[in-house]
C-alpha atoms as a PDB file:
ATOM      1  CA  MET A   1      26.271   2.451   9.951  1.00  0.00           C
ATOM      2  CA  ALA A   2      24.123   4.139  12.586  1.00  0.00           C
ATOM      3  CA  GLU A   3      22.880   2.696  15.842  1.00  0.00           C
ATOM      4  CA  PHE A   4      19.293   3.885  16.370  1.00  0.00           C
ATOM      5  CA  VAL A   5      17.949   3.998  19.925  1.00  0.00           C
ATOM      6  CA  LEU A   6      14.190   4.351  19.517  1.00  0.00           C
ATOM      7  CA  VAL A   7      12.064   5.821  22.320  1.00  0.00           C
ATOM      8  CA  ALA A   8       8.292   6.194  21.970  1.00  0.00           C
ATOM      9  CA  GLY A   9       6.103   8.759  23.680  1.00  0.00           C
ATOM     10  CA  ALA A  10       3.634   8.644  26.544  1.00  0.00           C
ATOM     11  CA  TRP A  11       1.893   5.354  27.328  1.00  0.00           C
ATOM     12  CA  LEU A  12       3.958   3.369  24.827  1.00  0.00           C
ATOM     13  CA  GLY A  13       6.866   0.930  25.012  1.00  0.00           C
ATOM     14  CA  GLY A  14       9.531  -0.399  22.714  1.00  0.00           C
ATOM     15  CA  TRP A  15       6.871  -2.457  20.925  1.00  0.00           C
ATOM     16  CA  ALA A  16       5.655   0.736  19.202  1.00  0.00           C
ATOM     17  CA  TRP A  17       8.650   0.515  16.835  1.00  0.00           C
ATOM     18  CA  ASP A  18       7.954  -3.044  15.657  1.00  0.00           C
ATOM     19  CA  GLU A  19       7.364  -1.957  12.053  1.00  0.00           C
ATOM     20  CA  VAL A  20      10.218   0.567  11.939  1.00  0.00           C
ATOM     21  CA  VAL A  21      12.938  -1.789  13.173  1.00  0.00           C
ATOM     22  CA  PRO A  22      12.971  -4.271  10.230  1.00  0.00           C
ATOM     23  CA  PRO A  23      13.712  -1.718   7.472  1.00  0.00           C
ATOM     24  CA  LEU A  24      16.435  -0.103   9.628  1.00  0.00           C
ATOM     25  CA  ARG A  25      18.121  -3.450  10.200  1.00  0.00           C
ATOM     26  CA  ALA A  26      17.654  -4.463   6.577  1.00  0.00           C
ATOM     27  CA  GLY A  27      19.765  -1.419   5.684  1.00  0.00           C
ATOM     28  CA  GLY A  28      22.563  -2.635   7.940  1.00  0.00           C
ATOM     29  CA  HIS A  29      21.869  -0.318  10.855  1.00  0.00           C
ATOM     30  CA  GLY A  30      21.457  -1.192  14.491  1.00  0.00           C
ATOM     31  CA  ALA A  31      17.957  -0.656  15.878  1.00  0.00           C
ATOM     32  CA  HIS A  32      17.321  -0.716  19.606  1.00  0.00           C
ATOM     33  CA  PRO A  33      13.724  -0.030  20.678  1.00  0.00           C
ATOM     34  CA  LEU A  34      13.713   0.988  24.324  1.00  0.00           C
ATOM     35  CA  THR A  35      10.934   0.774  26.887  1.00  0.00           C
ATOM     36  CA  LEU A  36      11.237   3.417  29.576  1.00  0.00           C
ATOM     37  CA  SER A  37      10.804   2.592  33.252  1.00  0.00           C
ATOM     38  CA  GLY A  38       7.204   2.375  34.423  1.00  0.00           C
ATOM     39  CA  LEU A  39       5.737   1.565  30.996  1.00  0.00           C
ATOM     40  CA  ALA A  40       4.724  -1.571  29.069  1.00  0.00           C
ATOM     41  CA  ASP A  41       6.832  -4.548  30.202  1.00  0.00           C
ATOM     42  CA  LYS A  42       8.554  -2.271  32.749  1.00  0.00           C
ATOM     43  CA  ARG A  43       5.278  -1.273  34.340  1.00  0.00           C
ATOM     44  CA  GLY A  44       5.550  -1.053  38.093  1.00  0.00           C
ATOM     45  CA  LEU A  45       9.073   0.341  38.161  1.00  0.00           C
ATOM     46  CA  PRO A  46       9.242   3.754  39.855  1.00  0.00           C
ATOM     47  CA  ALA A  47      10.121   6.534  37.414  1.00  0.00           C
ATOM     48  CA  GLY A  48      10.723  10.249  37.334  1.00  0.00           C
ATOM     49  CA  GLN A  49      11.950  12.229  34.351  1.00  0.00           C
ATOM     50  CA  GLN A  50      15.608  11.766  35.269  1.00  0.00           C
ATOM     51  CA  THR A  51      14.969   8.019  35.527  1.00  0.00           C
ATOM     52  CA  HIS A  52      13.959   8.083  31.868  1.00  0.00           C
ATOM     53  CA  VAL A  53      17.047  10.087  30.915  1.00  0.00           C
ATOM     54  CA  GLN A  54      19.202   7.504  32.703  1.00  0.00           C
ATOM     55  CA  ASP A  55      17.325   4.659  31.008  1.00  0.00           C
ATOM     56  CA  ILE A  56      18.512   6.011  27.660  1.00  0.00           C
ATOM     57  CA  VAL A  57      22.067   6.689  28.726  1.00  0.00           C
ATOM     58  CA  ASP A  58      22.300   3.205  30.285  1.00  0.00           C
ATOM     59  CA  GLU A  59      21.076   1.575  27.067  1.00  0.00           C
ATOM     60  CA  VAL A  60      23.790   3.282  25.041  1.00  0.00           C
ATOM     61  CA  GLU A  61      26.501   2.442  27.529  1.00  0.00           C
ATOM     62  CA  ARG A  62      25.372  -1.122  28.213  1.00  0.00           C
ATOM     63  CA  ARG A  63      25.423  -1.959  24.522  1.00  0.00           C
ATOM     64  CA  GLU A  64      28.647   0.016  24.024  1.00  0.00           C
ATOM     65  CA  LEU A  65      27.035   1.825  21.095  1.00  0.00           C
ATOM     66  CA  ARG A  66      28.742   4.434  18.928  1.00  0.00           C
ATOM     67  CA  GLU A  67      27.429   6.521  16.025  1.00  0.00           C
ATOM     68  CA  VAL A  68      24.236   6.702  18.054  1.00  0.00           C
ATOM     69  CA  VAL A  69      21.082   8.295  16.673  1.00  0.00           C
ATOM     70  CA  LEU A  70      18.693   8.925  19.554  1.00  0.00           C
ATOM     71  CA  VAL A  71      15.074   9.016  18.381  1.00  0.00           C
ATOM     72  CA  GLY A  72      12.465  10.539  20.656  1.00  0.00           C
ATOM     73  CA  HIS A  73       8.749  10.602  19.834  1.00  0.00           C
ATOM     74  CA  SER A  74       6.304  12.958  21.539  1.00  0.00           C
ATOM     75  CA  TYR A  75       6.996  13.086  25.316  1.00  0.00           C
ATOM     76  CA  ALA A  76      10.202  11.096  24.813  1.00  0.00           C
ATOM     77  CA  GLY A  77      11.850  14.063  23.117  1.00  0.00           C
ATOM     78  CA  ILE A  78      12.329  15.522  26.594  1.00  0.00           C
ATOM     79  CA  PRO A  79      14.480  12.703  28.066  1.00  0.00           C
ATOM     80  CA  VAL A  80      16.099  11.986  24.691  1.00  0.00           C
ATOM     81  CA  GLY A  81      17.259  15.586  24.340  1.00  0.00           C
ATOM     82  CA  GLN A  82      18.839  15.482  27.790  1.00  0.00           C
ATOM     83  CA  ALA A  83      20.419  12.076  27.160  1.00  0.00           C
ATOM     84  CA  GLY A  84      21.903  13.389  23.932  1.00  0.00           C
ATOM     85  CA  MET A  85      23.973  15.829  25.989  1.00  0.00           C
ATOM     86  CA  ARG A  86      25.214  13.102  28.313  1.00  0.00           C
ATOM     87  CA  ILE A  87      26.546  10.459  25.976  1.00  0.00           C
ATOM     88  CA  GLY A  88      29.391  12.563  24.634  1.00  0.00           C
ATOM     89  CA  ASP A  89      31.109  11.516  21.442  1.00  0.00           C
ATOM     90  CA  ARG A  90      28.905   8.446  21.125  1.00  0.00           C
ATOM     91  CA  LEU A  91      26.164  10.698  19.728  1.00  0.00           C
ATOM     92  CA  ALA A  92      25.823  11.154  15.974  1.00  0.00           C
ATOM     93  CA  ARG A  93      22.420  12.860  15.940  1.00  0.00           C
ATOM     94  CA  VAL A  94      19.123  13.307  17.727  1.00  0.00           C
ATOM     95  CA  VAL A  95      15.863  12.930  15.846  1.00  0.00           C
ATOM     96  CA  PHE A  96      12.788  14.451  17.473  1.00  0.00           C
ATOM     97  CA  VAL A  97       9.651  12.863  15.995  1.00  0.00           C
ATOM     98  CA  ASP A  98       6.743  15.324  16.429  1.00  0.00           C
ATOM     99  CA  SER A  99       8.024  15.665  19.950  1.00  0.00           C
ATOM    100  CA  ASN A 100       8.331  17.954  22.905  1.00  0.00           C
ATOM    101  CA  ILE A 101      11.847  19.237  23.534  1.00  0.00           C
ATOM    102  CA  PRO A 102      13.477  19.904  26.893  1.00  0.00           C
ATOM    103  CA  ALA A 103      14.045  23.330  28.353  1.00  0.00           C
ATOM    104  CA  ASP A 104      16.219  23.740  31.417  1.00  0.00           C
ATOM    105  CA  GLY A 105      14.090  23.968  34.548  1.00  0.00           C
ATOM    106  CA  GLU A 106      10.858  23.285  32.659  1.00  0.00           C
ATOM    107  CA  SER A 107       8.695  20.167  32.651  1.00  0.00           C
ATOM    108  CA  PHE A 108       6.566  18.457  30.022  1.00  0.00           C
ATOM    109  CA  VAL A 109       3.462  20.288  31.266  1.00  0.00           C
ATOM    110  CA  SER A 110       5.107  23.706  31.787  1.00  0.00           C
ATOM    111  CA  PRO A 111       4.429  25.173  28.302  1.00  0.00           C
ATOM    112  CA  TRP A 112       0.901  23.717  28.091  1.00  0.00           C
ATOM    113  CA  PRO A 113      -1.393  25.976  30.165  1.00  0.00           C
ATOM    114  CA  GLU A 114      -4.733  24.298  29.349  1.00  0.00           C
ATOM    115  CA  GLY A 115      -3.323  20.811  29.066  1.00  0.00           C
ATOM    116  CA  ARG A 116      -1.408  21.128  32.310  1.00  0.00           C
ATOM    117  CA  ALA A 117      -4.558  21.177  34.400  1.00  0.00           C
ATOM    118  CA  MET A 118      -5.973  18.225  32.461  1.00  0.00           C
ATOM    119  CA  VAL A 119      -2.802  16.137  32.901  1.00  0.00           C
ATOM    120  CA  GLU A 120      -2.408  17.017  36.562  1.00  0.00           C
ATOM    121  CA  ALA A 121      -6.063  16.129  37.207  1.00  0.00           C
ATOM    122  CA  SER A 122      -5.582  12.784  35.499  1.00  0.00           C
ATOM    123  CA  ILE A 123      -2.471  12.104  37.566  1.00  0.00           C
ATOM    124  CA  ALA A 124      -4.356  12.920  40.790  1.00  0.00           C
ATOM    125  CA  GLU A 125      -7.316  10.723  39.828  1.00  0.00           C
ATOM    126  CA  THR A 126      -5.303   7.695  38.747  1.00  0.00           C
ATOM    127  CA  GLY A 127      -2.858   7.314  41.624  1.00  0.00           C
ATOM    128  CA  GLY A 128       0.082   9.179  40.110  1.00  0.00           C
ATOM    129  CA  PHE A 129      -0.323   8.224  36.469  1.00  0.00           C
ATOM    130  CA  TRP A 130      -1.520   9.885  33.260  1.00  0.00           C
ATOM    131  CA  ALA A 131      -4.349   7.778  31.882  1.00  0.00           C
ATOM    132  CA  PRO A 132      -3.972   6.582  28.264  1.00  0.00           C
ATOM    133  CA  LEU A 133      -6.001   8.077  25.442  1.00  0.00           C
ATOM    134  CA  ALA A 134      -9.252   6.504  24.268  1.00  0.00           C
ATOM    135  CA  ALA A 135      -9.753   5.249  20.689  1.00  0.00           C
ATOM    136  CA  ALA A 136     -11.685   8.374  19.724  1.00  0.00           C
ATOM    137  CA  ASP A 137      -8.648  10.569  20.514  1.00  0.00           C
ATOM    138  CA  TYR A 138      -6.747   9.053  17.607  1.00  0.00           C
ATOM    139  CA  ALA A 139      -9.257  10.145  14.948  1.00  0.00           C
ATOM    140  CA  GLY A 140      -7.899  12.202  12.053  1.00  0.00           C
ATOM    141  CA  GLN A 141      -4.315  11.002  12.548  1.00  0.00           C
ATOM    142  CA  ASP A 142      -3.930   8.763   9.468  1.00  0.00           C
ATOM    143  CA  LEU A 143      -4.472   5.600  11.452  1.00  0.00           C
ATOM    144  CA  THR A 144      -6.572   2.569  10.517  1.00  0.00           C
ATOM    145  CA  GLU A 145      -9.019   1.087  13.025  1.00  0.00           C
ATOM    146  CA  GLU A 146      -6.671  -1.846  13.401  1.00  0.00           C
ATOM    147  CA  GLN A 147      -3.747   0.458  14.202  1.00  0.00           C
ATOM    148  CA  ILE A 148      -5.799   2.411  16.714  1.00  0.00           C
ATOM    149  CA  THR A 149      -6.900  -0.818  18.399  1.00  0.00           C
ATOM    150  CA  ARG A 150      -3.268  -1.880  18.619  1.00  0.00           C
ATOM    151  CA  ILE A 151      -2.145   1.408  20.154  1.00  0.00           C
ATOM    152  CA  VAL A 152      -4.994   1.519  22.674  1.00  0.00           C
ATOM    153  CA  GLY A 153      -4.557  -2.135  23.582  1.00  0.00           C
ATOM    154  CA  GLY A 154      -0.830  -1.771  24.190  1.00  0.00           C
ATOM    155  CA  SER A 155      -0.914   1.522  26.077  1.00  0.00           C
ATOM    156  CA  THR A 156      -0.216   1.638  29.815  1.00  0.00           C
ATOM    157  CA  PRO A 157      -0.699   4.520  32.282  1.00  0.00           C
ATOM    158  CA  HIS A 158       2.250   6.929  32.134  1.00  0.00           C
ATOM    159  CA  PRO A 159       4.202   7.748  35.359  1.00  0.00           C
ATOM    160  CA  GLY A 160       3.095  11.202  36.401  1.00  0.00           C
ATOM    161  CA  ALA A 161       6.404  12.342  37.905  1.00  0.00           C
ATOM    162  CA  THR A 162       8.081  12.155  34.485  1.00  0.00           C
ATOM    163  CA  LEU A 163       5.655  14.806  33.249  1.00  0.00           C
ATOM    164  CA  THR A 164       5.952  17.276  36.104  1.00  0.00           C
ATOM    165  CA  GLU A 165       9.659  17.115  36.992  1.00  0.00           C
ATOM    166  CA  PRO A 166      11.921  19.740  35.344  1.00  0.00           C
ATOM    167  CA  ALA A 167      14.484  19.022  32.665  1.00  0.00           C
ATOM    168  CA  VAL A 168      18.170  19.620  33.359  1.00  0.00           C
ATOM    169  CA  LEU A 169      20.276  20.931  30.469  1.00  0.00           C
ATOM    170  CA  GLU A 170      23.980  21.644  30.800  1.00  0.00           C
ATOM    171  CA  ARG A 171      24.118  23.732  27.616  1.00  0.00           C
ATOM    172  CA  PRO A 172      21.715  25.057  24.913  1.00  0.00           C
ATOM    173  CA  LEU A 173      19.780  22.371  23.097  1.00  0.00           C
ATOM    174  CA  GLY A 174      20.621  23.962  19.753  1.00  0.00           C
ATOM    175  CA  GLU A 175      24.218  22.796  20.139  1.00  0.00           C
ATOM    176  CA  LEU A 176      23.113  19.199  19.507  1.00  0.00           C
ATOM    177  CA  PRO A 177      23.050  17.944  15.904  1.00  0.00           C
ATOM    178  CA  ALA A 178      19.348  17.295  15.417  1.00  0.00           C
ATOM    179  CA  THR A 179      16.533  16.686  12.970  1.00  0.00           C
ATOM    180  CA  TYR A 180      12.974  17.634  13.872  1.00  0.00           C
ATOM    181  CA  VAL A 181      10.242  15.603  12.131  1.00  0.00           C
ATOM    182  CA  LYS A 182       6.951  17.524  12.012  1.00  0.00           C
ATOM    183  CA  CYS A 183       3.822  15.462  11.371  1.00  0.00           C
ATOM    184  CA  LEU A 184       1.487  17.802   9.564  1.00  0.00           C
ATOM    185  CA  LEU A 185      -1.844  16.264  10.562  1.00  0.00           C
ATOM    186  CA  ASP A 186      -0.981  17.168  14.149  1.00  0.00           C
ATOM    187  CA  GLY A 187      -0.391  20.814  13.263  1.00  0.00           C
ATOM    188  CA  GLN A 188       1.179  22.534  10.299  1.00  0.00           C
ATOM    189  CA  GLN A 189       3.933  24.291  12.271  1.00  0.00           C
ATOM    190  CA  PRO A 190       6.315  23.194  15.017  1.00  0.00           C
ATOM    191  CA  ASN A 191       5.623  24.485  18.518  1.00  0.00           C
ATOM    192  CA  PRO A 192       7.146  27.941  19.224  1.00  0.00           C
ATOM    193  CA  ASP A 193      10.017  26.518  21.323  1.00  0.00           C
ATOM    194  CA  VAL A 194      10.969  24.144  18.503  1.00  0.00           C
ATOM    195  CA  ALA A 195      10.611  26.890  15.884  1.00  0.00           C
ATOM    196  CA  GLU A 196      12.943  29.122  17.859  1.00  0.00           C
ATOM    197  CA  VAL A 197      15.721  26.491  17.951  1.00  0.00           C
ATOM    198  CA  LEU A 198      15.247  25.713  14.260  1.00  0.00           C
ATOM    199  CA  ALA A 199      15.604  29.403  13.437  1.00  0.00           C
ATOM    200  CA  THR A 200      18.718  29.961  15.523  1.00  0.00           C
ATOM    201  CA  SER A 201      20.719  26.724  15.311  1.00  0.00           C
ATOM    202  CA  ARG A 202      22.860  25.756  12.335  1.00  0.00           C
ATOM    203  CA  ARG A 203      22.823  22.175  13.561  1.00  0.00           C
ATOM    204  CA  TRP A 204      19.062  21.563  13.351  1.00  0.00           C
ATOM    205  CA  ARG A 205      17.087  20.463  10.299  1.00  0.00           C
ATOM    206  CA  LEU A 206      13.334  20.302   9.743  1.00  0.00           C
ATOM    207  CA  VAL A 207      11.617  17.448   7.900  1.00  0.00           C
ATOM    208  CA  THR A 208       7.845  17.112   7.418  1.00  0.00           C
ATOM    209  CA  MET A 209       5.600  14.047   7.064  1.00  0.00           C
ATOM    210  CA  ASN A 210       2.068  14.199   5.748  1.00  0.00           C
ATOM    211  CA  THR A 211       0.704  11.994   8.502  1.00  0.00           C
ATOM    212  CA  GLY A 212      -0.457  12.104  12.097  1.00  0.00           C
ATOM    213  CA  HIS A 213       1.276  12.156  15.461  1.00  0.00           C
ATOM    214  CA  TRP A 214       2.096   8.426  15.522  1.00  0.00           C
ATOM    215  CA  PRO A 215       4.065   7.838  12.288  1.00  0.00           C
ATOM    216  CA  MET A 216       5.687   4.639  13.595  1.00  0.00           C
ATOM    217  CA  PHE A 217       2.223   3.113  13.125  1.00  0.00           C
ATOM    218  CA  SER A 218       0.779   5.114  10.226  1.00  0.00           C
ATOM    219  CA  ARG A 219       3.905   5.413   8.015  1.00  0.00           C
ATOM    220  CA  PRO A 220       6.640   3.142   9.456  1.00  0.00           C
ATOM    221  CA  ARG A 221       8.667   2.655   6.262  1.00  0.00           C
ATOM    222  CA  GLU A 222       8.619   6.326   5.414  1.00  0.00           C
ATOM    223  CA  LEU A 223       9.705   7.127   8.954  1.00  0.00           C
ATOM    224  CA  ALA A 224      12.513   4.574   8.738  1.00  0.00           C
ATOM    225  CA  ARG A 225      13.741   6.190   5.531  1.00  0.00           C
ATOM    226  CA  ILE A 226      13.668   9.629   7.135  1.00  0.00           C
ATOM    227  CA  LEU A 227      15.638   8.320  10.121  1.00  0.00           C
ATOM    228  CA  VAL A 228      18.319   6.866   7.852  1.00  0.00           C
ATOM    229  CA  GLU A 229      18.540  10.101   5.852  1.00  0.00           C
ATOM    230  CA  ALA A 230      18.794  12.087   9.082  1.00  0.00           C
ATOM    231  CA  ALA A 231      21.621   9.861  10.293  1.00  0.00           C
ATOM    232  CA  GLY A 232      23.577  10.823   7.217  1.00  0.00           C
ATOM    233  CA  THR A 233      22.975  14.552   7.525  1.00  0.00           C
ATOM    234  CA  ASP A 234      26.053  16.668   7.901  1.00  0.00           C
ATOM    235  CA  ALA A 235      25.932  17.891  11.489  1.00  0.00           C
ATOM    236  CA  ALA A 236      28.462  20.676  11.000  1.00  0.00           C
END
C-alpha cells in the first residue's frame, strides 16, 4: 500500500485534505496531510522555499515512510518536486495536482511575468507575505459557496520568500516517476514547462479532471481515486 504525503498550495495547510484523507485510508493506504512552515497552524515560523522542501523530507523520514507518493498542489509542486529527488528509494511516485513544477535556479514567480509584479507588490505591502485570495477569485472553479467560504476562512498569508527563492534540482525533473493532474476549468492545457516534460519523459503521465484548481474541495473522492490509480502506475 502507498503512503501519501499531501501538500496543499499557497495559503493552505494540511486541513485542505480533510475530505481526501478518509477514502485513501479506507483503501488501506497511509495518508499524511502536511502543513508547511509559516502557514495555518504553523503560522509564524520563518520559511523560505528550502524550508518547505525540508519540511517534506523531514515528514517522510520522521515517520519512516516507504512507498511514498508525494502529492503537491499548486505552489507546493515546487517543493514537492525537489523533495522527491531527496528521499531516494523511499519514493514511489510524485503527483503534481494542477501545480507549478520546479526548475533549477528558477522561483515560483520566475515564469509568470505579469503575475510576478502582482505577487511581489503584495509581498511588499503585507510585510513579506502574499495575501490570500478573496472569495470572488474562486468563481468558475466548480466550488460551492460553502466550499469557497471554507477556503477563504482557513487561508493564511503565504511566506513571500518561498515564492521568490530559486529551486535547486540535482538532476532533470523528468527522471522522477510522476503523474500530472490537469484541472480543466483552470486551463485546458498544462503550462509550457509541464508540457515539455510530459513530451520528453517516459516516466510522466497526464491525467485530467473536469473541475477547477482546488479539486481537494470540489471533487475530493475523484481526486482520491486518481491518487490511488497514480500510485499503482508502472513507473518504468
